[in-house]
Amino acid sequence: RENEREREWGDEREKQRGKEREWDKEREEWKREKTALEEGRKEALRELASLRRQREEDEKKHGVELREQKERANELQIACSDLSGKLARQVDYIAKLKSRLGKAEADCESMRG
C-alpha cells in the first residue's frame, strides 16, 4: 500500500514536472516575444526622434512644413502605443505564469511533506 502511494506521488510529481517544463517553455517564448516587442518599440522611438529632428531642421532651414513626416511621426506614435499595450499584456501574462508556477511548486512541496 505504501509503495502504491509512493508510486502515485511519483506519478503526480512527474506530471507536475511536465507542467513546469511546459510553463518554462511558455515563459521563455513570452520573454522572446517581449524582447522583440521592446526592440521594435525602441526602433520606432528612435525613428520617430530622428524624423522629428529632421523636420525641425528642415523647417528652420526652409520654413516649410513637411506634412508627410508629420503623418509618419503620428503613425509611429500609434505604433509605439500599440507595442506598449502588447508589451504590457505580455508582462501581465508572464506574471500570471509565475503565479501558476508558484502555486504548482507549493503543491509539489505539500505532496512531499
Foldseek 3Di string as FASTA:
>chain_A
DVVVLVVVLVVVVVVLVVVVVVLVVVLVVLVVVLVVLVVVLVVLVVVLVVLVVVQVVCCVVPVDHDVVSVVSSVVSVVSNVVSVVVSVVSVVVSVVSVVVNVVSVVVNVVSVD
